[in-house]
Protein backbone atom coordinates (compact mmCIF):
# COMPACT_ATOMS: atom_id res chain seq x y z
CA VAL A 1 -12.20 12.18 -8.40
CA GLN A 2 -9.56 10.09 -6.75
CA LEU A 3 -7.20 7.89 -8.70
CA GLN A 4 -5.40 4.97 -7.13
CA ALA A 5 -2.52 3.36 -8.98
CA PHE A 6 -0.84 0.13 -8.03
CA GLY A 7 1.10 -2.76 -9.48
CA GLY A 8 4.64 -1.41 -9.53
CA GLY A 9 7.62 -3.35 -8.33
CA LEU A 10 11.08 -4.64 -9.07
CA VAL A 11 11.58 -6.71 -12.20
CA GLN A 12 14.52 -7.85 -14.28
CA ALA A 13 15.09 -6.52 -17.76
CA GLY A 14 12.91 -8.38 -20.23
CA GLY A 15 10.25 -9.01 -17.63
CA SER A 16 6.69 -7.78 -17.36
CA LEU A 17 4.51 -5.82 -14.99
CA ARG A 18 0.89 -4.80 -15.06
CA LEU A 19 -0.14 -1.49 -13.57
CA SER A 20 -3.71 -0.67 -12.63
CA CYS A 21 -5.42 2.62 -11.91
CA ALA A 22 -8.91 2.89 -10.49
CA ALA A 23 -10.97 6.07 -10.57
CA SER A 24 -13.36 6.65 -7.71
CA GLU A 25 -16.10 7.74 -10.08
CA ARG A 26 -16.86 8.19 -13.74
CA THR A 27 -16.64 11.79 -14.89
CA GLY A 28 -18.30 12.81 -18.09
CA SER A 29 -18.95 10.89 -21.24
CA SER A 30 -15.62 11.50 -22.94
CA TYR A 31 -12.97 11.21 -20.31
CA VAL A 32 -9.44 10.21 -21.16
CA MET A 33 -7.07 8.37 -18.88
CA ALA A 34 -3.33 8.31 -19.26
CA TRP A 35 -0.09 7.09 -17.78
CA PHE A 36 2.88 9.33 -17.23
CA ARG A 37 6.21 8.51 -15.66
CA GLN A 38 9.03 10.35 -13.99
CA ALA A 39 12.50 8.89 -13.80
CA PRO A 40 14.98 10.07 -11.17
CA GLY A 41 16.34 13.47 -12.09
CA LYS A 42 14.09 13.80 -15.12
CA GLU A 43 10.87 15.55 -15.94
CA ARG A 44 7.56 13.77 -15.99
CA GLU A 45 6.76 12.38 -19.44
CA PHE A 46 3.74 11.02 -21.21
CA VAL A 47 3.59 7.25 -21.72
CA ALA A 48 0.15 6.29 -23.02
CA ARG A 49 -3.46 7.35 -23.09
CA ILE A 50 -6.83 5.80 -23.82
CA ASN A 51 -10.21 7.34 -24.48
CA LEU A 52 -13.64 6.07 -23.58
CA SER A 53 -13.89 4.19 -26.88
CA GLY A 54 -10.67 2.34 -26.24
CA ASN A 55 -8.52 4.21 -28.73
CA THR A 56 -4.94 4.35 -27.54
CA TYR A 57 -1.84 6.42 -28.19
CA TYR A 58 1.69 5.64 -27.01
CA LYS A 59 5.04 7.25 -26.56
CA ASP A 60 7.27 5.99 -29.36
CA SER A 61 9.73 4.23 -27.08
CA VAL A 62 7.03 2.00 -25.55
CA LYS A 63 5.13 1.11 -28.72
CA GLY A 64 4.96 -2.63 -29.20
CA ARG A 65 5.96 -3.26 -25.58
CA PHE A 66 3.25 -1.52 -23.54
CA THR A 67 -0.48 -1.98 -23.93
CA MET A 68 -3.06 0.21 -22.27
CA SER A 69 -6.61 -0.99 -21.77
CA ARG A 70 -9.63 -0.01 -19.76
CA ASP A 71 -12.65 -1.52 -18.05
CA ASN A 72 -15.30 1.18 -18.14
CA ALA A 73 -17.60 -0.72 -15.81
CA LYS A 74 -14.89 -0.61 -13.15
CA ASN A 75 -13.56 2.88 -14.04
CA THR A 76 -10.16 1.21 -14.22
CA VAL A 77 -7.31 1.34 -16.69
CA TYR A 78 -4.38 -1.00 -17.04
CA LEU A 79 -0.89 -0.73 -18.44
CA GLN A 80 0.62 -4.05 -19.43
CA MET A 81 4.36 -3.56 -19.71
CA ASN A 82 6.35 -6.26 -21.46
CA SER A 83 10.01 -6.50 -22.46
CA LEU A 84 10.88 -3.98 -19.79
CA LYS A 85 14.16 -2.12 -20.02
CA PRO A 86 16.22 -0.39 -17.34
CA GLU A 87 15.27 2.94 -18.93
CA ASP A 88 11.63 2.21 -18.06
CA THR A 89 12.54 2.66 -14.41
CA ALA A 90 10.39 5.48 -13.04
CA VAL A 91 7.47 6.37 -10.86
CA TYR A 92 4.37 5.83 -12.96
CA TYR A 93 1.37 8.08 -12.50
CA CYS A 94 -2.11 7.70 -13.85
CA ALA A 95 -4.08 10.78 -14.79
CA LEU A 96 -7.53 11.69 -16.02
CA LYS A 97 -9.00 14.49 -18.04
CA THR A 98 -12.72 14.96 -18.51
CA SER A 99 -12.64 15.87 -22.19
CA VAL A 100 -10.61 14.76 -25.18
CA LEU A 101 -10.44 18.44 -26.14
CA SER A 102 -8.79 19.51 -22.92
CA PRO A 103 -4.97 19.71 -22.81
CA VAL A 104 -4.95 19.45 -19.03
CA TYR A 105 -5.13 16.34 -16.92
CA SER A 106 -7.01 17.53 -13.88
CA PHE A 107 -6.76 14.45 -11.71
CA TRP A 108 -3.65 12.50 -10.75
CA GLY A 109 -2.94 9.33 -8.83
CA GLN A 110 -0.25 8.96 -6.21
CA GLY A 111 2.24 7.08 -8.38
CA THR A 112 3.59 3.57 -8.31
CA GLU A 113 7.28 2.82 -8.59
CA VAL A 114 8.69 0.57 -11.28
CA THR A 115 12.32 -0.53 -11.09
CA VAL A 116 13.87 -2.56 -13.89
CA SER A 117 17.22 -4.11 -13.11
CA SER A 118 19.75 -4.91 -15.79
């Protein structure tokens, strides 16, 4: 499975961006897709995830600002990011795991850079 993420860019604080991630194929009946991010000099961290039914879970610091959604027909997920802050600056990666029971995301996209200026 190949994942392609896009939609990053430069935005001022308070602005919005929408990231997209397309999977090359659908894998299994219970796959989960997620967004992670890695800021300069920091470890990669979880941001949000969504299962096949559309149930979502978010990192506390993005709750109420970020919304993850998916289009199963297109094997694509989206991350709508509103009220962006400079601390949201990072390379954002999408990832996929084939089972909700698995702790491991087996497939990763190439990353898309988000820069939020103050």
